Structures are given as C-alpha cells and as structure tokens.
C-alpha cells in the first residue's frame, strides 16, 4: 500500500491557476495526509515482519502507550510499556502461512522468552495468516500443536486483525481500548480476541 501524493508541479504553477485552485489543492493535500496516516493502520491487516512491526508500534502509540522497536533475538520485536515494569513484547510473524510447531516463529518466541522477557512481561505473537484474504475468511493462524506449545510457554497469540479492531475501538473511547490492552497483558496463554461486548 503506497502513500498517496498530490504534486501540481513547481510552486509557481499554483499562482498561475484560476481562483479557488489553491484552496482546493490545500484541502486535497490535507485529506491525503489524513489518508496516509490511516493507511499505516490498514497495514495491520496485510503486512508481515518488519512492516507489520511498524504498524503494531503505531497502533499502540495511537493508544497513548510508550512503544519502541527492540533489536534482539527476533527479526522484529515491539515493546509496549504499560506502567512501571510491565511490558508487552510483541513478535510480528514474518510468515503468511499458519505457524508450525517447528517453525521460525516459535524459535523467535523462545529466544525472546530466554533473552529479553522479564517476570512482569507478557510475550505476544502477532500473526497475519493469508493476508490477501479478508480476516473473516482466513484459515487458522496457528497449527493446534504449535498453539499448545505457545500456551505451555505462557505466550499469547494475538491476530493482527484483532489489534486492528482494538485500534478502531480507541475511536469510541481511549479508556475502553486501553482496558483491553490491560486484559491482553493479564490474559491466559492462547489466542486473545476482543470480546463482542467490547466492540458494541
């Protein structure tokens, strides 16, 4: 998804145009800026790896959390600080296929648990399986034995489409969205989805 642009040409072109042109151009440029900002979050539904990590970070930053991209054992790792020492450590998957028990994603999860995570941290694997397909029509993101292993490691699976819903929820009320982030940190291992009641 590329950014939209509006280039009328050299600056002097605007002065040559009929009355009202400059006003229309300014409004179009403002709308394009708004659309490009929203496109960063649309990428939550389609991107993988490092580009997904950027959108994950942007989504939590939009909900007023302190965020950072962390260099370390995972290809991409986003740290979200809740308060004090509590953090979410989010690992965006680089694979468009279902996560497998012996796949690279679980290796990265294990390394983050061993090398980065502290006691107050929650490690979260973010997936975007089959990103060319609408989220409602996608296959399961994690093979059953891989999900069972994640649960034994105390790790949460968070579909990127659920994070997209969480970002949209912040428009209805920042406190509502941040409450769901607290639920995410406290959730039992396994797949985390937003409850239907939270989206009404």
Protein backbone atom coordinates (compact mmCIF):
# COMPACT_ATOMS: atom_id res chain seq x y z
CA UNK A 1 0.00 0.00 0.00
CA UNK A 2 1.76 3.13 -1.22
CA UNK A 3 1.31 6.63 0.12
CA UNK A 4 -0.88 8.99 -1.89
CA UNK A 5 0.67 12.21 -3.21
CA UNK A 6 -0.56 15.41 -4.87
CA UNK A 7 2.06 17.33 -6.88
CA UNK A 8 0.81 20.22 -9.04
CA UNK A 9 4.36 20.87 -10.25
CA UNK A 10 6.67 23.79 -9.39
CA UNK A 11 5.40 26.26 -6.78
CA UNK A 12 4.77 28.96 -9.40
CA UNK A 13 2.16 26.74 -11.10
CA UNK A 14 -0.27 27.34 -8.23
CA UNK A 15 -0.06 31.11 -8.70
CA UNK A 16 -0.89 30.72 -12.39
CA UNK A 17 -4.05 28.71 -11.79
CA UNK A 18 -7.61 30.16 -11.62
CA UNK A 19 -9.12 31.43 -8.34
CA UNK A 20 -10.06 28.66 -5.92
CA UNK A 21 -7.36 26.26 -7.13
CA UNK A 22 -5.02 26.85 -4.20
CA UNK A 23 -7.85 26.33 -1.68
CA UNK A 24 -8.86 23.04 -3.34
CA UNK A 25 -5.24 21.90 -3.51
CA UNK A 26 -4.72 22.62 0.20
CA UNK A 27 -7.85 20.65 1.10
CA UNK A 28 -6.82 17.71 -1.08
CA UNK A 29 -3.34 17.69 0.45
CA UNK A 30 -4.87 17.72 3.95
CA UNK A 31 -7.12 14.77 3.04
CA UNK A 32 -4.19 12.87 1.53
CA UNK A 33 -2.20 13.43 4.71
CA UNK A 34 -5.10 12.02 6.75
CA UNK A 35 -5.49 9.02 4.42
CA UNK A 36 -1.78 8.23 4.52
CA UNK A 37 -1.87 8.35 8.33
CA UNK A 38 -4.80 5.90 8.40
CA UNK A 39 -3.12 3.63 5.84
CA UNK A 40 -0.42 2.90 8.43
CA UNK A 41 -3.11 1.13 10.44
CA UNK A 42 -4.70 -0.58 7.44
CA UNK A 43 -1.35 -2.33 7.05
CA UNK A 44 -2.18 -4.24 10.24
CA UNK A 45 -4.41 -6.39 8.01
CA UNK A 46 -1.89 -7.09 5.25
CA UNK A 47 1.75 -6.75 6.32
CA UNK A 48 4.27 -9.19 7.79
CA UNK A 49 7.59 -9.00 9.61
CA UNK A 50 9.26 -5.61 9.98
CA UNK A 51 6.47 -3.67 8.21
CA UNK A 52 3.88 -5.30 10.46
CA UNK A 53 6.06 -4.40 13.45
CA UNK A 54 5.93 -0.72 12.46
CA UNK A 55 2.13 -0.81 12.26
CA UNK A 56 1.90 -2.67 15.59
CA UNK A 57 4.05 0.00 17.20
CA UNK A 58 1.96 2.78 15.60
CA UNK A 59 -1.30 1.21 16.84
CA UNK A 60 -0.16 1.08 20.45
CA UNK A 61 1.38 4.55 20.22
CA UNK A 62 -2.00 5.82 18.96
CA UNK A 63 -3.49 4.41 22.18
CA UNK A 64 -1.01 6.56 24.14
CA UNK A 65 1.38 3.79 25.17
CA UNK A 66 5.15 4.18 25.23
CA UNK A 67 6.49 1.94 22.46
CA UNK A 68 9.79 1.01 20.86
CA UNK A 69 11.24 -1.34 18.28
CA UNK A 70 13.73 -3.58 20.07
CA UNK A 71 16.83 -5.08 18.49
CA UNK A 72 17.47 -8.59 19.66
CA UNK A 73 16.77 -12.23 19.07
CA UNK A 74 13.64 -11.74 16.95
CA UNK A 75 13.62 -10.31 13.44
CA UNK A 76 11.10 -7.72 14.68
CA UNK A 77 10.15 -7.04 18.29
CA UNK A 78 7.91 -4.29 19.64
CA UNK A 79 7.96 -3.39 23.33
CA UNK A 80 4.88 -1.66 24.76
CA UNK A 81 5.23 -0.30 28.28
CA UNK A 82 2.01 -0.34 30.32
CA UNK A 83 3.24 1.05 33.63
CA UNK A 84 6.22 0.54 35.88
CA UNK A 85 7.99 -2.61 34.74
CA UNK A 86 5.06 -4.21 32.92
CA UNK A 87 5.51 -4.62 29.19
CA UNK A 88 4.03 -6.41 26.24
CA UNK A 89 6.71 -7.88 23.98
CA UNK A 90 5.08 -8.36 20.58
CA UNK A 91 6.69 -10.53 17.91
CA UNK A 92 5.14 -9.98 14.45
CA UNK A 93 5.20 -13.11 12.32
CA UNK A 94 7.06 -12.99 9.01
CA UNK A 95 5.09 -15.90 7.57
CA UNK A 96 1.83 -15.68 5.64
CA UNK A 97 1.12 -19.34 6.37
CA UNK A 98 -0.06 -20.95 9.61
CA UNK A 99 2.54 -21.02 12.39
CA UNK A 100 4.00 -24.51 12.81
CA UNK A 101 5.42 -26.15 15.92
CA UNK A 102 8.90 -26.37 14.36
CA UNK A 103 8.66 -23.07 12.51
CA UNK A 104 10.84 -19.97 12.80
CA UNK A 105 8.18 -18.03 14.75
CA UNK A 106 8.29 -20.38 17.74
CA UNK A 107 12.10 -20.29 17.69
CA UNK A 108 11.94 -16.49 17.91
CA UNK A 109 9.36 -16.68 20.70
CA UNK A 110 11.64 -18.98 22.70
CA UNK A 111 14.63 -16.66 22.22
CA UNK A 112 12.65 -13.61 23.35
CA UNK A 113 11.49 -15.51 26.45
CA UNK A 114 15.07 -16.50 27.25
CA UNK A 115 16.94 -13.31 26.33
CA UNK A 116 14.57 -10.35 26.68
CA UNK A 117 11.45 -11.04 28.77
CA UNK A 118 11.41 -10.36 32.49
CA UNK A 119 8.88 -11.54 35.09
CA UNK A 120 6.35 -8.69 34.54
CA UNK A 121 6.49 -9.01 30.73
CA UNK A 122 3.99 -10.84 28.50
CA UNK A 123 5.24 -12.22 25.21
CA UNK A 124 2.73 -11.97 22.36
CA UNK A 125 2.95 -13.49 18.88
CA UNK A 126 1.14 -11.36 16.27
CA UNK A 127 0.05 -13.19 13.10
CA UNK A 128 -1.32 -12.22 9.70
CA UNK A 129 -2.07 -15.55 8.07
CA UNK A 130 -3.15 -15.41 4.39
CA UNK A 131 -3.07 -11.58 4.33
CA UNK A 132 -4.57 -11.36 0.83
CA UNK A 133 -7.84 -12.74 2.24
CA UNK A 134 -10.42 -10.86 4.33
CA UNK A 135 -9.79 -11.62 8.03
CA UNK A 136 -13.19 -13.30 8.49
CA UNK A 137 -12.37 -15.78 5.70
CA UNK A 138 -8.82 -16.67 6.76
CA UNK A 139 -7.74 -20.14 7.88
CA UNK A 140 -6.49 -20.78 11.45
CA UNK A 141 -3.28 -18.83 12.04
CA UNK A 142 -1.57 -21.45 14.19
CA UNK A 143 -1.44 -25.23 13.97
CA UNK A 144 -3.03 -26.85 17.06
CA UNK A 145 0.23 -28.39 18.34
CA UNK A 146 2.02 -25.02 17.89
CA UNK A 147 -0.72 -23.22 19.82
CA UNK A 148 -0.50 -25.81 22.60
CA UNK A 149 3.27 -25.24 22.81
CA UNK A 150 2.77 -21.46 22.96
CA UNK A 151 0.30 -21.95 25.81
CA UNK A 152 2.79 -24.12 27.72
CA UNK A 153 5.36 -21.34 27.33
CA UNK A 154 2.85 -18.80 28.69
CA UNK A 155 2.69 -16.91 25.37
CA UNK A 156 -0.35 -15.17 23.91
CA UNK A 157 -1.34 -15.35 20.25
CA UNK A 158 -2.86 -12.05 19.04
CA UNK A 159 -4.12 -11.93 15.44
CA UNK A 160 -3.20 -8.65 13.75
CA UNK A 161 -6.85 -8.33 12.72
CA UNK A 162 -7.79 -8.24 16.42
CA UNK A 163 -5.24 -5.47 17.01
CA UNK A 164 -6.86 -3.61 14.09
CA UNK A 165 -10.23 -3.90 15.89
CA UNK A 166 -8.57 -2.67 19.07
CA UNK A 167 -7.20 0.38 17.26
CA UNK A 168 -10.69 1.11 15.86
CA UNK A 169 -12.12 0.73 19.37
CA UNK A 170 -9.88 3.60 20.52
CA UNK A 171 -12.02 5.95 18.38
CA UNK A 172 -15.03 5.04 20.53
CA UNK A 173 -13.12 5.69 23.72
CA UNK A 174 -9.43 5.61 24.55
CA UNK A 175 -10.16 4.21 28.02
CA UNK A 176 -12.08 1.29 26.50
CA UNK A 177 -9.21 0.41 24.21
CA UNK A 178 -6.59 0.73 26.93
CA UNK A 179 -8.69 -1.51 29.20
CA UNK A 180 -8.48 -4.24 26.54
CA UNK A 181 -4.70 -3.84 26.43
CA UNK A 182 -4.68 -4.45 30.18
CA UNK A 183 -6.80 -7.57 29.55
CA UNK A 184 -4.27 -8.68 26.95
CA UNK A 185 -1.41 -8.42 29.42
CA UNK A 186 -3.37 -10.39 32.03
CA UNK A 187 -4.86 -12.97 29.63
CA UNK A 188 -4.35 -16.69 29.89
CA UNK A 189 -1.96 -18.13 27.29
CA UNK A 190 -3.58 -18.97 23.96
CA UNK A 191 -5.36 -16.87 21.35
CA UNK A 192 -6.63 -13.47 22.52
CA UNK A 193 -9.67 -11.99 20.83
CA UNK A 194 -11.65 -8.91 21.79
CA UNK A 195 -14.99 -9.83 23.39
CA UNK A 196 -18.04 -8.89 21.34
CA UNK A 197 -19.27 -6.78 24.26
CA UNK A 198 -16.22 -4.55 23.99
CA UNK A 199 -16.95 -3.74 20.36
CA UNK A 200 -20.53 -2.57 20.84
